[in-house]
Amino acid sequence: MENPARRADAKFGADVTFHTKPALARAKQKRALAAKLRIRWVTGDEVYGQDAILRGRLAEQR
C-alpha cells in the first residue's frame, strides 16, 4: 500500500517502486549472467524457493 507521507519521510522518490525479494533476486541473476559471471551456488530462504521463475532459471543454468 502506498503511503506518501512515509515515503517522503524516508526520502524515497516517486520513481522508486516496490519489488518482492524473489523479483530482486531475478534481476540480480539477470545482471550477473549478462556480465558473464558464473553462478556456482545460490542460497535463500523459503521465499526464494517458492518462486518458480527464479528456481527455473537457476535450474537452466545448473
PDB file of N, CA and C in Angstrom:
ATOM      1  N   MET A   1       0.843  -1.174   0.000  1.00  0.00           N
ATOM      2  CA  MET A   1       0.000   0.000   0.000  1.00  0.00           C
ATOM      3  C   MET A   1       0.889   1.238   0.000  1.00  0.00           C
ATOM      4  N   GLU A   2       0.514   2.202  -0.772  1.00  0.00           N
ATOM      5  CA  GLU A   2       1.269   3.449  -0.847  1.00  0.00           C
ATOM      6  C   GLU A   2       0.978   4.324   0.362  1.00  0.00           C
ATOM      7  N   ASN A   3       2.002   4.947   0.875  1.00  0.00           N
ATOM      8  CA  ASN A   3       1.867   5.867   1.996  1.00  0.00           C
ATOM      9  C   ASN A   3       2.760   7.068   1.683  1.00  0.00           C
ATOM     10  N   PRO A   4       2.215   8.102   1.018  1.00  0.00           N
ATOM     11  CA  PRO A   4       3.031   9.243   0.588  1.00  0.00           C
ATOM     12  C   PRO A   4       3.809   9.911   1.716  1.00  0.00           C
ATOM     13  N   ALA A   5       3.217  10.048   2.881  1.00  0.00           N
ATOM     14  CA  ALA A   5       3.911  10.693   3.998  1.00  0.00           C
ATOM     15  C   ALA A   5       5.114   9.863   4.434  1.00  0.00           C
ATOM     16  N   ARG A   6       4.946   8.569   4.502  1.00  0.00           N
ATOM     17  CA  ARG A   6       6.050   7.689   4.911  1.00  0.00           C
ATOM     18  C   ARG A   6       7.162   7.698   3.865  1.00  0.00           C
ATOM     19  N   ARG A   7       6.776   7.694   2.581  1.00  0.00           N
ATOM     20  CA  ARG A   7       7.772   7.758   1.502  1.00  0.00           C
ATOM     21  C   ARG A   7       8.563   9.057   1.599  1.00  0.00           C
ATOM     22  N   ALA A   8       7.866  10.164   1.869  1.00  0.00           N
ATOM     23  CA  ALA A   8       8.532  11.455   1.971  1.00  0.00           C
ATOM     24  C   ALA A   8       9.485  11.470   3.166  1.00  0.00           C
ATOM     25  N   ASP A   9       9.062  10.924   4.287  1.00  0.00           N
ATOM     26  CA  ASP A   9       9.919  10.853   5.474  1.00  0.00           C
ATOM     27  C   ASP A   9      11.191  10.039   5.190  1.00  0.00           C
ATOM     28  N   ALA A  10      11.040   8.977   4.409  1.00  0.00           N
ATOM     29  CA  ALA A  10      12.174   8.113   4.087  1.00  0.00           C
ATOM     30  C   ALA A  10      12.983   8.643   2.903  1.00  0.00           C
ATOM     31  N   LYS A  11      12.507   9.735   2.303  1.00  0.00           N
ATOM     32  CA  LYS A  11      13.153  10.364   1.154  1.00  0.00           C
ATOM     33  C   LYS A  11      13.215   9.447  -0.060  1.00  0.00           C
ATOM     34  N   PHE A  12      12.146   8.657  -0.254  1.00  0.00           N
ATOM     35  CA  PHE A  12      12.004   7.841  -1.452  1.00  0.00           C
ATOM     36  C   PHE A  12      11.223   8.633  -2.479  1.00  0.00           C
ATOM     37  N   GLY A  13      11.762   8.743  -3.669  1.00  0.00           N
ATOM     38  CA  GLY A  13      11.069   9.452  -4.740  1.00  0.00           C
ATOM     39  C   GLY A  13       9.985   8.602  -5.370  1.00  0.00           C
ATOM     40  N   ALA A  14       9.192   9.226  -6.205  1.00  0.00           N
ATOM     41  CA  ALA A  14       8.094   8.527  -6.883  1.00  0.00           C
ATOM     42  C   ALA A  14       8.606   7.473  -7.855  1.00  0.00           C
ATOM     43  N   ASP A  15       9.874   7.585  -8.287  1.00  0.00           N
ATOM     44  CA  ASP A  15      10.432   6.631  -9.241  1.00  0.00           C
ATOM     45  C   ASP A  15      10.868   5.317  -8.587  1.00  0.00           C
ATOM     46  N   VAL A  16      10.868   5.254  -7.262  1.00  0.00           N
ATOM     47  CA  VAL A  16      11.249   4.035  -6.549  1.00  0.00           C
ATOM     48  C   VAL A  16      10.002   3.182  -6.368  1.00  0.00           C
ATOM     49  N   THR A  17      10.068   1.947  -6.873  1.00  0.00           N
ATOM     50  CA  THR A  17       8.909   1.057  -6.801  1.00  0.00           C
ATOM     51  C   THR A  17       9.222  -0.155  -5.939  1.00  0.00           C
ATOM     52  N   PHE A  18       8.187  -0.769  -5.441  1.00  0.00           N
ATOM     53  CA  PHE A  18       8.321  -1.964  -4.614  1.00  0.00           C
ATOM     54  C   PHE A  18       8.554  -3.187  -5.488  1.00  0.00           C
ATOM     55  N   HIS A  19       9.458  -4.059  -5.047  1.00  0.00           N
ATOM     56  CA  HIS A  19       9.696  -5.348  -5.699  1.00  0.00           C
ATOM     57  C   HIS A  19       9.833  -6.399  -4.606  1.00  0.00           C
ATOM     58  N   THR A  20       9.320  -7.585  -4.858  1.00  0.00           N
ATOM     59  CA  THR A  20       9.453  -8.666  -3.894  1.00  0.00           C
ATOM     60  C   THR A  20      10.909  -9.133  -3.845  1.00  0.00           C
ATOM     61  N   LYS A  21      11.256  -9.876  -2.791  1.00  0.00           N
ATOM     62  CA  LYS A  21      12.609 -10.423  -2.685  1.00  0.00           C
ATOM     63  C   LYS A  21      12.947 -11.321  -3.883  1.00  0.00           C
ATOM     64  N   PRO A  22      12.052 -12.219  -4.309  1.00  0.00           N
ATOM     65  CA  PRO A  22      12.383 -13.033  -5.476  1.00  0.00           C
ATOM     66  C   PRO A  22      12.559 -12.198  -6.753  1.00  0.00           C
ATOM     67  N   ALA A  23      11.775 -11.146  -6.915  1.00  0.00           N
ATOM     68  CA  ALA A  23      11.931 -10.287  -8.102  1.00  0.00           C
ATOM     69  C   ALA A  23      13.296  -9.599  -8.086  1.00  0.00           C
ATOM     70  N   LEU A  24      13.740  -9.160  -6.912  1.00  0.00           N
ATOM     71  CA  LEU A  24      15.067  -8.564  -6.807  1.00  0.00           C
ATOM     72  C   LEU A  24      16.147  -9.601  -7.121  1.00  0.00           C
ATOM     73  N   ALA A  25      15.967 -10.818  -6.651  1.00  0.00           N
ATOM     74  CA  ALA A  25      16.934 -11.887  -6.918  1.00  0.00           C
ATOM     75  C   ALA A  25      16.985 -12.204  -8.413  1.00  0.00           C
ATOM     76  N   ARG A  26      15.826 -12.237  -9.072  1.00  0.00           N
ATOM     77  CA  ARG A  26      15.806 -12.482 -10.519  1.00  0.00           C
ATOM     78  C   ARG A  26      16.549 -11.388 -11.268  1.00  0.00           C
ATOM     79  N   ALA A  27      16.381 -10.139 -10.857  1.00  0.00           N
ATOM     80  CA  ALA A  27      17.070  -9.025 -11.509  1.00  0.00           C
ATOM     81  C   ALA A  27      18.584  -9.138 -11.308  1.00  0.00           C
ATOM     82  N   LYS A  28      19.002  -9.508 -10.097  1.00  0.00           N
ATOM     83  CA  LYS A  28      20.436  -9.679  -9.827  1.00  0.00           C
ATOM     84  C   LYS A  28      21.002 -10.825 -10.662  1.00  0.00           C
ATOM     85  N   GLN A  29      20.248 -11.914 -10.747  1.00  0.00           N
ATOM     86  CA  GLN A  29      20.688 -13.060 -11.535  1.00  0.00           C
ATOM     87  C   GLN A  29      20.843 -12.661 -12.997  1.00  0.00           C
ATOM     88  N   LYS A  30      19.893 -11.925 -13.515  1.00  0.00           N
ATOM     89  CA  LYS A  30      19.929 -11.497 -14.920  1.00  0.00           C
ATOM     90  C   LYS A  30      21.169 -10.628 -15.182  1.00  0.00           C
ATOM     91  N   ARG A  31      21.454  -9.692 -14.264  1.00  0.00           N
ATOM     92  CA  ARG A  31      22.634  -8.833 -14.425  1.00  0.00           C
ATOM     93  C   ARG A  31      23.928  -9.645 -14.339  1.00  0.00           C
ATOM     94  N   ALA A  32      23.976 -10.606 -13.435  1.00  0.00           N
ATOM     95  CA  ALA A  32      25.178 -11.436 -13.291  1.00  0.00           C
ATOM     96  C   ALA A  32      25.425 -12.249 -14.548  1.00  0.00           C
ATOM     97  N   LEU A  33      24.382 -12.821 -15.113  1.00  0.00           N
ATOM     98  CA  LEU A  33      24.534 -13.609 -16.334  1.00  0.00           C
ATOM     99  C   LEU A  33      24.917 -12.724 -17.515  1.00  0.00           C
ATOM    100  N   ALA A  34      24.357 -11.526 -17.591  1.00  0.00           N
ATOM    101  CA  ALA A  34      24.707 -10.592 -18.669  1.00  0.00           C
ATOM    102  C   ALA A  34      26.173 -10.173 -18.574  1.00  0.00           C
ATOM    103  N   ALA A  35      26.696 -10.128 -17.349  1.00  0.00           N
ATOM    104  CA  ALA A  35      28.100  -9.775 -17.128  1.00  0.00           C
ATOM    105  C   ALA A  35      29.005 -10.997 -17.286  1.00  0.00           C
ATOM    106  N   LYS A  36      28.423 -12.122 -17.671  1.00  0.00           N
ATOM    107  CA  LYS A  36      29.149 -13.380 -17.884  1.00  0.00           C
ATOM    108  C   LYS A  36      29.802 -13.915 -16.609  1.00  0.00           C
ATOM    109  N   LEU A  37      29.184 -13.602 -15.466  1.00  0.00           N
ATOM    110  CA  LEU A  37      29.650 -14.173 -14.209  1.00  0.00           C
ATOM    111  C   LEU A  37      29.104 -15.581 -14.082  1.00  0.00           C
ATOM    112  N   ARG A  38      29.888 -16.461 -13.562  1.00  0.00           N
ATOM    113  CA  ARG A  38      29.435 -17.835 -13.365  1.00  0.00           C
ATOM    114  C   ARG A  38      28.867 -17.962 -11.960  1.00  0.00           C
ATOM    115  N   ILE A  39      27.621 -18.378 -11.874  1.00  0.00           N
ATOM    116  CA  ILE A  39      26.977 -18.572 -10.586  1.00  0.00           C
ATOM    117  C   ILE A  39      27.254 -20.003 -10.155  1.00  0.00           C
ATOM    118  N   ARG A  40      28.050 -20.169  -9.114  1.00  0.00           N
ATOM    119  CA  ARG A  40      28.435 -21.506  -8.662  1.00  0.00           C
ATOM    120  C   ARG A  40      27.461 -22.087  -7.651  1.00  0.00           C
ATOM    121  N   TRP A  41      26.871 -21.250  -6.815  1.00  0.00           N
ATOM    122  CA  TRP A  41      25.896 -21.732  -5.842  1.00  0.00           C
ATOM    123  C   TRP A  41      24.986 -20.583  -5.456  1.00  0.00           C
ATOM    124  N   VAL A  42      23.835 -20.952  -4.946  1.00  0.00           N
ATOM    125  CA  VAL A  42      22.825 -19.976  -4.541  1.00  0.00           C
ATOM    126  C   VAL A  42      22.231 -20.447  -3.223  1.00  0.00           C
ATOM    127  N   THR A  43      21.955 -19.516  -2.353  1.00  0.00           N
ATOM    128  CA  THR A  43      21.277 -19.842  -1.115  1.00  0.00           C
ATOM    129  C   THR A  43      20.142 -18.846  -0.894  1.00  0.00           C
ATOM    130  N   GLY A  44      19.108 -19.283  -0.242  1.00  0.00           N
ATOM    131  CA  GLY A  44      17.988 -18.402   0.044  1.00  0.00           C
ATOM    132  C   GLY A  44      17.001 -19.096   0.962  1.00  0.00           C
ATOM    133  N   ASP A  45      16.090 -18.325   1.492  1.00  0.00           N
ATOM    134  CA  ASP A  45      15.088 -18.907   2.371  1.00  0.00           C
ATOM    135  C   ASP A  45      13.889 -19.390   1.546  1.00  0.00           C
ATOM    136  N   GLU A  46      12.841 -19.789   2.232  1.00  0.00           N
ATOM    137  CA  GLU A  46      11.687 -20.372   1.548  1.00  0.00           C
ATOM    138  C   GLU A  46      10.991 -19.399   0.603  1.00  0.00           C
ATOM    139  N   VAL A  47      11.135 -18.104   0.843  1.00  0.00           N
ATOM    140  CA  VAL A  47      10.513 -17.123  -0.052  1.00  0.00           C
ATOM    141  C   VAL A  47      11.087 -17.259  -1.456  1.00  0.00           C
ATOM    142  N   TYR A  48      12.401 -17.418  -1.540  1.00  0.00           N
ATOM    143  CA  TYR A  48      13.042 -17.589  -2.842  1.00  0.00           C
ATOM    144  C   TYR A  48      12.700 -18.948  -3.440  1.00  0.00           C
ATOM    145  N   GLY A  49      12.703 -19.965  -2.612  1.00  0.00           N
ATOM    146  CA  GLY A  49      12.443 -21.319  -3.086  1.00  0.00           C
ATOM    147  C   GLY A  49      11.050 -21.522  -3.639  1.00  0.00           C
ATOM    148  N   GLN A  50      10.106 -20.709  -3.222  1.00  0.00           N
ATOM    149  CA  GLN A  50       8.740 -20.834  -3.723  1.00  0.00           C
ATOM    150  C   GLN A  50       8.527 -20.106  -5.042  1.00  0.00           C
ATOM    151  N   ASP A  51       9.542 -19.373  -5.518  1.00  0.00           N
ATOM    152  CA  ASP A  51       9.412 -18.619  -6.762  1.00  0.00           C
ATOM    153  C   ASP A  51       9.790 -19.517  -7.945  1.00  0.00           C
ATOM    154  N   ALA A  52       8.786 -19.957  -8.689  1.00  0.00           N
ATOM    155  CA  ALA A  52       9.007 -20.903  -9.790  1.00  0.00           C
ATOM    156  C   ALA A  52       9.899 -20.326 -10.883  1.00  0.00           C
ATOM    157  N   ILE A  53       9.775 -19.049 -11.162  1.00  0.00           N
ATOM    158  CA  ILE A  53      10.594 -18.430 -12.212  1.00  0.00           C
ATOM    159  C   ILE A  53      12.057 -18.444 -11.808  1.00  0.00           C
ATOM    160  N   LEU A  54      12.342 -18.015 -10.593  1.00  0.00           N
ATOM    161  CA  LEU A  54      13.723 -17.997 -10.112  1.00  0.00           C
ATOM    162  C   LEU A  54      14.297 -19.418 -10.095  1.00  0.00           C
ATOM    163  N   ARG A  55      13.550 -20.365  -9.541  1.00  0.00           N
ATOM    164  CA  ARG A  55      14.025 -21.754  -9.483  1.00  0.00           C
ATOM    165  C   ARG A  55      14.266 -22.299 -10.886  1.00  0.00           C
ATOM    166  N   GLY A  56      13.363 -22.000 -11.816  1.00  0.00           N
ATOM    167  CA  GLY A  56      13.512 -22.485 -13.191  1.00  0.00           C
ATOM    168  C   GLY A  56      14.760 -21.923 -13.861  1.00  0.00           C
ATOM    169  N   ARG A  57      14.991 -20.628 -13.683  1.00  0.00           N
ATOM    170  CA  ARG A  57      16.175 -20.018 -14.283  1.00  0.00           C
ATOM    171  C   ARG A  57      17.454 -20.586 -13.688  1.00  0.00           C
ATOM    172  N   LEU A  58      17.447 -20.819 -12.380  1.00  0.00           N
ATOM    173  CA  LEU A  58      18.621 -21.415 -11.754  1.00  0.00           C
ATOM    174  C   LEU A  58      18.850 -22.832 -12.257  1.00  0.00           C
ATOM    175  N   ALA A  59      17.775 -23.592 -12.410  1.00  0.00           N
ATOM    176  CA  ALA A  59      17.901 -24.971 -12.913  1.00  0.00           C
ATOM    177  C   ALA A  59      18.457 -24.984 -14.330  1.00  0.00           C
ATOM    178  N   GLU A  60      18.038 -24.020 -15.146  1.00  0.00           N
ATOM    179  CA  GLU A  60      18.555 -23.936 -16.529  1.00  0.00           C
ATOM    180  C   GLU A  60      20.056 -23.703 -16.538  1.00  0.00           C
ATOM    181  N   GLN A  61      20.549 -22.959 -15.573  1.00  0.00           N
ATOM    182  CA  GLN A  61      21.980 -22.639 -15.509  1.00  0.00           C
ATOM    183  C   GLN A  61      22.797 -23.737 -14.832  1.00  0.00           C
ATOM    184  N   ARG A  62      22.091 -24.685 -14.225  1.00  0.00           N
ATOM    185  CA  ARG A  62      22.700 -25.793 -13.481  1.00  0.00           C
ATOM    186  C   ARG A  62      23.623 -25.289 -12.411  1.00  0.00           C
TER     187      ARG A  62
END
